[in-house]
Amino acid sequence: MKISVRVHPGSSRPKIKKISEGQFEVWVTARAKEEEANAAVIRTLADFLGKAPSVFKYVRGERGRIKILELIN
């Protein structure tokens, strides 16, 4: 399953909004440097979806605000 995520790094508090099935908007407090925001996005999504962070893999967008993640079973 692939998930599309629009990321807002450097937010005052973490938040997640489900736009549609497989599409999310995620706010994280981590800044977009040294992969901090990417790790925070995975942790936030994992908590929201009740999955382990290790089941997420970046497919596209590691350096952009729009990211495509794959859920590995």
PDB file of N, CA and C in Angstrom:
ATOM      1  N   MET A   1       0.846  -1.172   0.000  1.00  0.00           N
ATOM      2  CA  MET A   1       0.000   0.000   0.000  1.00  0.00           C
ATOM      3  C   MET A   1       0.892   1.235   0.000  1.00  0.00           C
ATOM      4  N   LYS A   2       0.594   2.186  -0.868  1.00  0.00           N
ATOM      5  CA  LYS A   2       1.356   3.432  -0.926  1.00  0.00           C
ATOM      6  C   LYS A   2       0.556   4.552  -0.277  1.00  0.00           C
ATOM      7  N   ILE A   3       1.278   5.432   0.402  1.00  0.00           N
ATOM      8  CA  ILE A   3       0.676   6.544   1.125  1.00  0.00           C
ATOM      9  C   ILE A   3       1.315   7.840   0.646  1.00  0.00           C
ATOM     10  N   SER A   4       0.487   8.825   0.354  1.00  0.00           N
ATOM     11  CA  SER A   4       0.961  10.150  -0.034  1.00  0.00           C
ATOM     12  C   SER A   4       0.866  11.063   1.189  1.00  0.00           C
ATOM     13  N   VAL A   5       1.954  11.799   1.456  1.00  0.00           N
ATOM     14  CA  VAL A   5       2.011  12.645   2.647  1.00  0.00           C
ATOM     15  C   VAL A   5       2.514  14.036   2.278  1.00  0.00           C
ATOM     16  N   ARG A   6       1.796  15.061   2.729  1.00  0.00           N
ATOM     17  CA  ARG A   6       2.277  16.443   2.605  1.00  0.00           C
ATOM     18  C   ARG A   6       2.761  16.829   3.993  1.00  0.00           C
ATOM     19  N   VAL A   7       4.012  17.244   4.084  1.00  0.00           N
ATOM     20  CA  VAL A   7       4.668  17.481   5.375  1.00  0.00           C
ATOM     21  C   VAL A   7       4.823  18.973   5.648  1.00  0.00           C
ATOM     22  N   HIS A   8       4.612  19.338   6.914  1.00  0.00           N
ATOM     23  CA  HIS A   8       4.829  20.701   7.403  1.00  0.00           C
ATOM     24  C   HIS A   8       5.862  20.617   8.528  1.00  0.00           C
ATOM     25  N   PRO A   9       7.160  20.721   8.213  1.00  0.00           N
ATOM     26  CA  PRO A   9       8.188  20.641   9.258  1.00  0.00           C
ATOM     27  C   PRO A   9       8.249  21.928  10.077  1.00  0.00           C
ATOM     28  N   GLY A  10       8.773  21.829  11.297  1.00  0.00           N
ATOM     29  CA  GLY A  10       8.951  23.008  12.138  1.00  0.00           C
ATOM     30  C   GLY A  10       7.660  23.541  12.722  1.00  0.00           C
ATOM     31  N   SER A  11       6.657  22.712  12.834  1.00  0.00           N
ATOM     32  CA  SER A  11       5.371  23.110  13.397  1.00  0.00           C
ATOM     33  C   SER A  11       5.494  23.283  14.908  1.00  0.00           C
ATOM     34  N   SER A  12       4.584  24.024  15.501  1.00  0.00           N
ATOM     35  CA  SER A  12       4.627  24.218  16.951  1.00  0.00           C
ATOM     36  C   SER A  12       4.206  22.964  17.711  1.00  0.00           C
ATOM     37  N   ARG A  13       3.400  22.100  17.071  1.00  0.00           N
ATOM     38  CA  ARG A  13       3.008  20.833  17.697  1.00  0.00           C
ATOM     39  C   ARG A  13       2.716  19.801  16.620  1.00  0.00           C
ATOM     40  N   PRO A  14       2.935  18.527  16.926  1.00  0.00           N
ATOM     41  CA  PRO A  14       2.659  17.486  15.926  1.00  0.00           C
ATOM     42  C   PRO A  14       1.156  17.308  15.726  1.00  0.00           C
ATOM     43  N   LYS A  15       0.775  17.041  14.481  1.00  0.00           N
ATOM     44  CA  LYS A  15      -0.638  16.879  14.140  1.00  0.00           C
ATOM     45  C   LYS A  15      -0.715  16.065  12.857  1.00  0.00           C
ATOM     46  N   ILE A  16      -1.790  15.314  12.697  1.00  0.00           N
ATOM     47  CA  ILE A  16      -1.984  14.556  11.469  1.00  0.00           C
ATOM     48  C   ILE A  16      -3.432  14.697  11.041  1.00  0.00           C
ATOM     49  N   LYS A  17      -3.624  14.841   9.739  1.00  0.00           N
ATOM     50  CA  LYS A  17      -4.960  14.990   9.171  1.00  0.00           C
ATOM     51  C   LYS A  17      -5.092  14.021   8.003  1.00  0.00           C
ATOM     52  N   LYS A  18      -6.103  13.177   8.058  1.00  0.00           N
ATOM     53  CA  LYS A  18      -6.346  12.235   6.967  1.00  0.00           C
ATOM     54  C   LYS A  18      -7.190  12.950   5.914  1.00  0.00           C
ATOM     55  N   ILE A  19      -6.638  13.088   4.710  1.00  0.00           N
ATOM     56  CA  ILE A  19      -7.330  13.757   3.614  1.00  0.00           C
ATOM     57  C   ILE A  19      -8.277  12.773   2.935  1.00  0.00           C
ATOM     58  N   SER A  20      -7.771  11.615   2.610  1.00  0.00           N
ATOM     59  CA  SER A  20      -8.558  10.540   2.000  1.00  0.00           C
ATOM     60  C   SER A  20      -7.822   9.231   2.266  1.00  0.00           C
ATOM     61  N   GLU A  21      -8.349   8.137   1.750  1.00  0.00           N
ATOM     62  CA  GLU A  21      -7.694   6.841   1.940  1.00  0.00           C
ATOM     63  C   GLU A  21      -6.305   6.875   1.302  1.00  0.00           C
ATOM     64  N   GLY A  22      -5.268   6.711   2.115  1.00  0.00           N
ATOM     65  CA  GLY A  22      -3.902   6.707   1.605  1.00  0.00           C
ATOM     66  C   GLY A  22      -3.303   8.079   1.374  1.00  0.00           C
ATOM     67  N   GLN A  23      -3.961   9.132   1.882  1.00  0.00           N
ATOM     68  CA  GLN A  23      -3.448  10.490   1.698  1.00  0.00           C
ATOM     69  C   GLN A  23      -3.567  11.252   3.021  1.00  0.00           C
ATOM     70  N   PHE A  24      -2.415  11.781   3.484  1.00  0.00           N
ATOM     71  CA  PHE A  24      -2.364  12.444   4.779  1.00  0.00           C
ATOM     72  C   PHE A  24      -1.634  13.776   4.685  1.00  0.00           C
ATOM     73  N   GLU A  25      -1.911  14.635   5.666  1.00  0.00           N
ATOM     74  CA  GLU A  25      -1.158  15.864   5.855  1.00  0.00           C
ATOM     75  C   GLU A  25      -0.601  15.769   7.275  1.00  0.00           C
ATOM     76  N   VAL A  26       0.723  15.961   7.421  1.00  0.00           N
ATOM     77  CA  VAL A  26       1.382  15.739   8.712  1.00  0.00           C
ATOM     78  C   VAL A  26       2.188  16.977   9.101  1.00  0.00           C
ATOM     79  N   TRP A  27       1.975  17.434  10.332  1.00  0.00           N
ATOM     80  CA  TRP A  27       2.751  18.520  10.904  1.00  0.00           C
ATOM     81  C   TRP A  27       3.690  17.919  11.934  1.00  0.00           C
ATOM     82  N   VAL A  28       4.983  18.222  11.850  1.00  0.00           N
ATOM     83  CA  VAL A  28       5.972  17.713  12.808  1.00  0.00           C
ATOM     84  C   VAL A  28       6.798  18.868  13.358  1.00  0.00           C
ATOM     85  N   THR A  29       7.248  18.725  14.594  1.00  0.00           N
ATOM     86  CA  THR A  29       8.037  19.789  15.219  1.00  0.00           C
ATOM     87  C   THR A  29       9.480  19.801  14.728  1.00  0.00           C
ATOM     88  N   ALA A  30       9.958  18.680  14.234  1.00  0.00           N
ATOM     89  CA  ALA A  30      11.344  18.576  13.754  1.00  0.00           C
ATOM     90  C   ALA A  30      11.560  19.451  12.516  1.00  0.00           C
ATOM     91  N   ARG A  31      12.738  19.997  12.432  1.00  0.00           N
ATOM     92  CA  ARG A  31      13.121  20.804  11.266  1.00  0.00           C
ATOM     93  C   ARG A  31      13.530  19.895  10.117  1.00  0.00           C
ATOM     94  N   ALA A  32      13.484  20.425   8.918  1.00  0.00           N
ATOM     95  CA  ALA A  32      13.826  19.651   7.715  1.00  0.00           C
ATOM     96  C   ALA A  32      15.334  19.680   7.469  1.00  0.00           C
ATOM     97  N   LYS A  33      16.096  19.129   8.381  1.00  0.00           N
ATOM     98  CA  LYS A  33      17.536  19.000   8.168  1.00  0.00           C
ATOM     99  C   LYS A  33      18.024  17.725   8.824  1.00  0.00           C
ATOM    100  N   GLU A  34      19.024  17.123   8.216  1.00  0.00           N
ATOM    101  CA  GLU A  34      19.638  15.887   8.695  1.00  0.00           C
ATOM    102  C   GLU A  34      18.606  14.790   8.952  1.00  0.00           C
ATOM    103  N   GLU A  35      17.621  14.676   8.078  1.00  0.00           N
ATOM    104  CA  GLU A  35      16.611  13.602   8.127  1.00  0.00           C
ATOM    105  C   GLU A  35      15.740  13.608   9.381  1.00  0.00           C
ATOM    106  N   GLU A  36      15.789  14.676  10.182  1.00  0.00           N
ATOM    107  CA  GLU A  36      14.994  14.732  11.405  1.00  0.00           C
ATOM    108  C   GLU A  36      13.503  14.739  11.103  1.00  0.00           C
ATOM    109  N   ALA A  37      13.077  15.547  10.146  1.00  0.00           N
ATOM    110  CA  ALA A  37      11.655  15.627   9.807  1.00  0.00           C
ATOM    111  C   ALA A  37      11.165  14.319   9.195  1.00  0.00           C
ATOM    112  N   ASN A  38      11.979  13.686   8.358  1.00  0.00           N
ATOM    113  CA  ASN A  38      11.580  12.405   7.754  1.00  0.00           C
ATOM    114  C   ASN A  38      11.330  11.345   8.824  1.00  0.00           C
ATOM    115  N   ALA A  39      12.205  11.277   9.809  1.00  0.00           N
ATOM    116  CA  ALA A  39      12.029  10.307  10.894  1.00  0.00           C
ATOM    117  C   ALA A  39      10.787  10.637  11.716  1.00  0.00           C
ATOM    118  N   ALA A  40      10.544  11.922  11.945  1.00  0.00           N
ATOM    119  CA  ALA A  40       9.362  12.336  12.706  1.00  0.00           C
ATOM    120  C   ALA A  40       8.075  12.014  11.956  1.00  0.00           C
ATOM    121  N   VAL A  41       8.090  12.155  10.634  1.00  0.00           N
ATOM    122  CA  VAL A  41       6.913  11.820   9.822  1.00  0.00           C
ATOM    123  C   VAL A  41       6.589  10.340   9.969  1.00  0.00           C
ATOM    124  N   ILE A  42       7.596   9.499   9.881  1.00  0.00           N
ATOM    125  CA  ILE A  42       7.373   8.052   9.999  1.00  0.00           C
ATOM    126  C   ILE A  42       6.864   7.698  11.396  1.00  0.00           C
ATOM    127  N   ARG A  43       7.446   8.292  12.433  1.00  0.00           N
ATOM    128  CA  ARG A  43       6.978   8.019  13.803  1.00  0.00           C
ATOM    129  C   ARG A  43       5.526   8.460  13.987  1.00  0.00           C
ATOM    130  N   THR A  44       5.186   9.638  13.476  1.00  0.00           N
ATOM    131  CA  THR A  44       3.829  10.166  13.615  1.00  0.00           C
ATOM    132  C   THR A  44       2.820   9.297  12.882  1.00  0.00           C
ATOM    133  N   LEU A  45       3.141   8.926  11.646  1.00  0.00           N
ATOM    134  CA  LEU A  45       2.243   8.046  10.882  1.00  0.00           C
ATOM    135  C   LEU A  45       2.110   6.674  11.537  1.00  0.00           C
ATOM    136  N   ALA A  46       3.203   6.137  12.029  1.00  0.00           N
ATOM    137  CA  ALA A  46       3.176   4.823  12.676  1.00  0.00           C
ATOM    138  C   ALA A  46       2.253   4.846  13.893  1.00  0.00           C
ATOM    139  N   ASP A  47       2.359   5.885  14.707  1.00  0.00           N
ATOM    140  CA  ASP A  47       1.476   6.015  15.872  1.00  0.00           C
ATOM    141  C   ASP A  47       0.017   6.133  15.443  1.00  0.00           C
ATOM    142  N   PHE A  48      -0.246   6.953  14.447  1.00  0.00           N
ATOM    143  CA  PHE A  48      -1.615   7.194  13.975  1.00  0.00           C
ATOM    144  C   PHE A  48      -2.250   5.932  13.403  1.00  0.00           C
ATOM    145  N   LEU A  49      -1.469   5.168  12.642  1.00  0.00           N
ATOM    146  CA  LEU A  49      -1.990   3.972  11.977  1.00  0.00           C
ATOM    147  C   LEU A  49      -1.842   2.699  12.815  1.00  0.00           C
ATOM    148  N   GLY A  50      -1.165   2.800  13.954  1.00  0.00           N
ATOM    149  CA  GLY A  50      -0.971   1.635  14.807  1.00  0.00           C
ATOM    150  C   GLY A  50      -0.017   0.611  14.217  1.00  0.00           C
ATOM    151  N   LYS A  51       0.988   1.082  13.504  1.00  0.00           N
ATOM    152  CA  LYS A  51       1.987   0.208  12.869  1.00  0.00           C
ATOM    153  C   LYS A  51       3.360   0.494  13.465  1.00  0.00           C
ATOM    154  N   ALA A  52       4.288  -0.404  13.230  1.00  0.00           N
ATOM    155  CA  ALA A  52       5.676  -0.184  13.641  1.00  0.00           C
ATOM    156  C   ALA A  52       6.353   0.741  12.623  1.00  0.00           C
ATOM    157  N   PRO A  53       7.226   1.632  13.072  1.00  0.00           N
ATOM    158  CA  PRO A  53       7.925   2.514  12.131  1.00  0.00           C
ATOM    159  C   PRO A  53       8.729   1.757  11.077  1.00  0.00           C
ATOM    160  N   SER A  54       9.153   0.550  11.389  1.00  0.00           N
ATOM    161  CA  SER A  54       9.980  -0.224  10.459  1.00  0.00           C
ATOM    162  C   SER A  54       9.226  -0.707   9.221  1.00  0.00           C
ATOM    163  N   VAL A  55       7.900  -0.614   9.205  1.00  0.00           N
ATOM    164  CA  VAL A  55       7.139  -1.086   8.037  1.00  0.00           C
ATOM    165  C   VAL A  55       6.981   0.001   6.972  1.00  0.00           C
ATOM    166  N   PHE A  56       7.497   1.210   7.230  1.00  0.00           N
ATOM    167  CA  PHE A  56       7.408   2.306   6.268  1.00  0.00           C
ATOM    168  C   PHE A  56       8.716   2.453   5.501  1.00  0.00           C
ATOM    169  N   LYS A  57       8.609   2.677   4.207  1.00  0.00           N
ATOM    170  CA  LYS A  57       9.788   2.872   3.357  1.00  0.00           C
ATOM    171  C   LYS A  57       9.498   4.042   2.415  1.00  0.00           C
ATOM    172  N   TYR A  58      10.466   4.962   2.291  1.00  0.00           N
ATOM    173  CA  TYR A  58      10.303   6.079   1.365  1.00  0.00           C
ATOM    174  C   TYR A  58      10.443   5.587  -0.069  1.00  0.00           C
ATOM    175  N   VAL A  59       9.486   5.934  -0.907  1.00  0.00           N
ATOM    176  CA  VAL A  59       9.537   5.608  -2.326  1.00  0.00           C
ATOM    177  C   VAL A  59      10.005   6.837  -3.097  1.00  0.00           C
ATOM    178  N   ARG A  60       9.494   8.000  -2.704  1.00  0.00           N
ATOM    179  CA  ARG A  60       9.818   9.241  -3.402  1.00  0.00           C
ATOM    180  C   ARG A  60       9.625  10.421  -2.445  1.00  0.00           C
ATOM    181  N   GLY A  61      10.391  11.480  -2.663  1.00  0.00           N
ATOM    182  CA  GLY A  61      10.177  12.729  -1.948  1.00  0.00           C
ATOM    183  C   GLY A  61      10.910  12.883  -0.632  1.00  0.00           C
ATOM    184  N   GLU A  62      12.015  12.187  -0.444  1.00  0.00           N
ATOM    185  CA  GLU A  62      12.741  12.314   0.819  1.00  0.00           C
ATOM    186  C   GLU A  62      13.215  13.741   1.076  1.00  0.00           C
ATOM    187  N   ARG A  63      13.402  14.517   0.027  1.00  0.00           N
ATOM    188  CA  ARG A  63      13.896  15.887   0.194  1.00  0.00           C
ATOM    189  C   ARG A  63      12.834  16.945  -0.095  1.00  0.00           C
ATOM    190  N   GLY A  64      11.602  16.530  -0.313  1.00  0.00           N
ATOM    191  CA  GLY A  64      10.532  17.480  -0.603  1.00  0.00           C
ATOM    192  C   GLY A  64       9.426  17.412   0.432  1.00  0.00           C
ATOM    193  N   ARG A  65       8.449  18.294   0.298  1.00  0.00           N
ATOM    194  CA  ARG A  65       7.318  18.305   1.230  1.00  0.00           C
ATOM    195  C   ARG A  65       6.281  17.245   0.903  1.00  0.00           C
ATOM    196  N   ILE A  66       6.207  16.840  -0.355  1.00  0.00           N
ATOM    197  CA  ILE A  66       5.285  15.783  -0.763  1.00  0.00           C
ATOM    198  C   ILE A  66       6.077  14.485  -0.807  1.00  0.00           C
ATOM    199  N   LYS A  67       5.646  13.516  -0.021  1.00  0.00           N
ATOM    200  CA  LYS A  67       6.375  12.251   0.085  1.00  0.00           C
ATOM    201  C   LYS A  67       5.456  11.091  -0.267  1.00  0.00           C
ATOM    202  N   ILE A  68       6.026  10.063  -0.857  1.00  0.00           N
ATOM    203  CA  ILE A  68       5.312   8.819  -1.122  1.00  0.00           C
ATOM    204  C   ILE A  68       5.992   7.746  -0.277  1.00  0.00           C
ATOM    205  N   LEU A  69       5.210   7.111   0.575  1.00  0.00           N
ATOM    206  CA  LEU A  69       5.716   6.051   1.442  1.00  0.00           C
ATOM    207  C   LEU A  69       5.022   4.749   1.081  1.00  0.00           C
ATOM    208  N   GLU A  70       5.741   3.657   1.227  1.00  0.00           N
ATOM    209  CA  GLU A  70       5.155   2.344   0.995  1.00  0.00           C
ATOM    210  C   GLU A  70       5.079   1.615   2.327  1.00  0.00           C
ATOM    211  N   LEU A  71       3.941   0.998   2.563  1.00  0.00           N
ATOM    212  CA  LEU A  71       3.735   0.194   3.759  1.00  0.00           C
ATOM    213  C   LEU A  71       4.103  -1.234   3.418  1.00  0.00           C
ATOM    214  N   ILE A  72       5.150  -1.752   4.053  1.00  0.00           N
ATOM    215  CA  ILE A  72       5.639  -3.097   3.766  1.00  0.00           C
ATOM    216  C   ILE A  72       5.046  -4.051   4.795  1.00  0.00           C
ATOM    217  N   ASN A  73       4.407  -5.089   4.321  1.00  0.00           N
ATOM    218  CA  ASN A  73       3.788  -6.053   5.256  1.00  0.00           C
ATOM    219  C   ASN A  73       4.754  -7.113   5.650  1.00  0.00           C
TER     220      ASN A  73
END
